[in-house]
């Protein structure tokens, strides 16, 4: 796993995720989600998302990272 400082937001769902780990072996990221239930501004820890799930999310995703690429 790789620790990182990245965030992903979706304008469509008013949803933000902070990437806490990347596991290149099984092609997943682990995130902390803000507004996980889309209504109560709930914070959820430790959700794993595959690359396919991430790319399949509706709406425009914006990726923030400290790295150039």
C-alpha atoms as a PDB file:
ATOM      1  CA  UNK A   1       0.000   0.000   0.000  1.00  0.00           C
ATOM      2  CA  UNK A   2       1.001   3.573  -0.613  1.00  0.00           C
ATOM      3  CA  UNK A   3       0.070   6.506   1.584  1.00  0.00           C
ATOM      4  CA  UNK A   4      -0.842   9.607  -0.321  1.00  0.00           C
ATOM      5  CA  UNK A   5      -2.237  13.091  -0.076  1.00  0.00           C
ATOM      6  CA  UNK A   6      -5.037  13.179  -2.629  1.00  0.00           C
ATOM      7  CA  UNK A   7      -8.711  14.080  -2.737  1.00  0.00           C
ATOM      8  CA  UNK A   8     -11.550  13.393  -5.148  1.00  0.00           C
ATOM      9  CA  UNK A   9     -14.756  15.406  -5.417  1.00  0.00           C
ATOM     10  CA  UNK A  10     -17.915  14.830  -7.407  1.00  0.00           C
ATOM     11  CA  UNK A  11     -19.930  17.922  -8.290  1.00  0.00           C
ATOM     12  CA  UNK A  12     -22.914  15.743  -9.236  1.00  0.00           C
ATOM     13  CA  UNK A  13     -23.341  14.207  -5.775  1.00  0.00           C
ATOM     14  CA  UNK A  14     -21.802  16.987  -3.643  1.00  0.00           C
ATOM     15  CA  UNK A  15     -19.510  14.266  -2.380  1.00  0.00           C
ATOM     16  CA  UNK A  16     -15.859  14.415  -1.317  1.00  0.00           C
ATOM     17  CA  UNK A  17     -13.352  11.649  -0.651  1.00  0.00           C
ATOM     18  CA  UNK A  18      -9.860  11.828   0.810  1.00  0.00           C
ATOM     19  CA  UNK A  19      -7.609   9.058  -0.452  1.00  0.00           C
ATOM     20  CA  UNK A  20      -5.809   7.507   2.507  1.00  0.00           C
ATOM     21  CA  UNK A  21      -4.194   4.460   0.861  1.00  0.00           C
ATOM     22  CA  UNK A  22      -3.547   3.033  -2.590  1.00  0.00           C
ATOM     23  CA  UNK A  23      -3.126  -0.717  -3.004  1.00  0.00           C
ATOM     24  CA  UNK A  24      -1.598  -1.295  -6.434  1.00  0.00           C
ATOM     25  CA  UNK A  25      -1.643  -5.112  -5.973  1.00  0.00           C
ATOM     26  CA  UNK A  26      -5.446  -5.328  -5.916  1.00  0.00           C
ATOM     27  CA  UNK A  27      -6.074  -2.036  -7.782  1.00  0.00           C
ATOM     28  CA  UNK A  28      -8.038  -0.285  -5.021  1.00  0.00           C
ATOM     29  CA  UNK A  29      -7.963   2.940  -3.095  1.00  0.00           C
ATOM     30  CA  UNK A  30      -9.104   3.405   0.484  1.00  0.00           C
ATOM     31  CA  UNK A  31     -10.968   6.625   1.163  1.00  0.00           C
ATOM     32  CA  UNK A  32     -12.511   8.681   3.909  1.00  0.00           C
ATOM     33  CA  UNK A  33     -15.804  10.063   2.643  1.00  0.00           C
ATOM     34  CA  UNK A  34     -17.492  13.304   3.569  1.00  0.00           C
ATOM     35  CA  UNK A  35     -21.237  13.362   3.017  1.00  0.00           C
ATOM     36  CA  UNK A  36     -21.285   9.588   2.529  1.00  0.00           C
ATOM     37  CA  UNK A  37     -25.062   9.424   2.946  1.00  0.00           C
ATOM     38  CA  UNK A  38     -25.635  12.478   0.683  1.00  0.00           C
ATOM     39  CA  UNK A  39     -27.868  14.251   3.227  1.00  0.00           C
ATOM     40  CA  UNK A  40     -26.466  14.486   6.748  1.00  0.00           C
ATOM     41  CA  UNK A  41     -22.822  15.359   6.086  1.00  0.00           C
ATOM     42  CA  UNK A  42     -21.811  11.999   7.566  1.00  0.00           C
ATOM     43  CA  UNK A  43     -18.114  11.098   7.611  1.00  0.00           C
ATOM     44  CA  UNK A  44     -17.262   7.498   6.742  1.00  0.00           C
ATOM     45  CA  UNK A  45     -13.800   5.903   7.108  1.00  0.00           C
ATOM     46  CA  UNK A  46     -12.093   3.048   5.296  1.00  0.00           C
ATOM     47  CA  UNK A  47     -14.193   2.438   2.176  1.00  0.00           C
ATOM     48  CA  UNK A  48     -12.315   0.558  -0.535  1.00  0.00           C
ATOM     49  CA  UNK A  49     -13.054   1.491  -4.143  1.00  0.00           C
ATOM     50  CA  UNK A  50     -11.770  -0.309  -7.211  1.00  0.00           C
ATOM     51  CA  UNK A  51     -10.517   1.569 -10.254  1.00  0.00           C
ATOM     52  CA  UNK A  52     -13.601   0.366 -12.178  1.00  0.00           C
ATOM     53  CA  UNK A  53     -15.980   1.691  -9.516  1.00  0.00           C
ATOM     54  CA  UNK A  54     -14.184   5.030  -9.426  1.00  0.00           C
ATOM     55  CA  UNK A  55     -14.268   5.458 -13.194  1.00  0.00           C
ATOM     56  CA  UNK A  56     -17.933   4.396 -13.266  1.00  0.00           C
ATOM     57  CA  UNK A  57     -19.126   7.093 -10.850  1.00  0.00           C
ATOM     58  CA  UNK A  58     -21.609   9.526 -12.369  1.00  0.00           C
ATOM     59  CA  UNK A  59     -20.837  13.190 -12.770  1.00  0.00           C
ATOM     60  CA  UNK A  60     -17.599  15.050 -13.189  1.00  0.00           C
ATOM     61  CA  UNK A  61     -14.888  13.920 -10.817  1.00  0.00           C
ATOM     62  CA  UNK A  62     -12.141  16.340  -9.863  1.00  0.00           C
ATOM     63  CA  UNK A  63      -8.853  14.931  -8.589  1.00  0.00           C
ATOM     64  CA  UNK A  64      -6.604  16.956  -6.313  1.00  0.00           C
ATOM     65  CA  UNK A  65      -3.080  15.842  -5.578  1.00  0.00           C
ATOM     66  CA  UNK A  66       0.251  17.301  -4.616  1.00  0.00           C
ATOM     67  CA  UNK A  67       1.912  15.461  -7.491  1.00  0.00           C
ATOM     68  CA  UNK A  68       2.260  16.867 -11.005  1.00  0.00           C
ATOM     69  CA  UNK A  69       1.028  13.683 -12.724  1.00  0.00           C
END
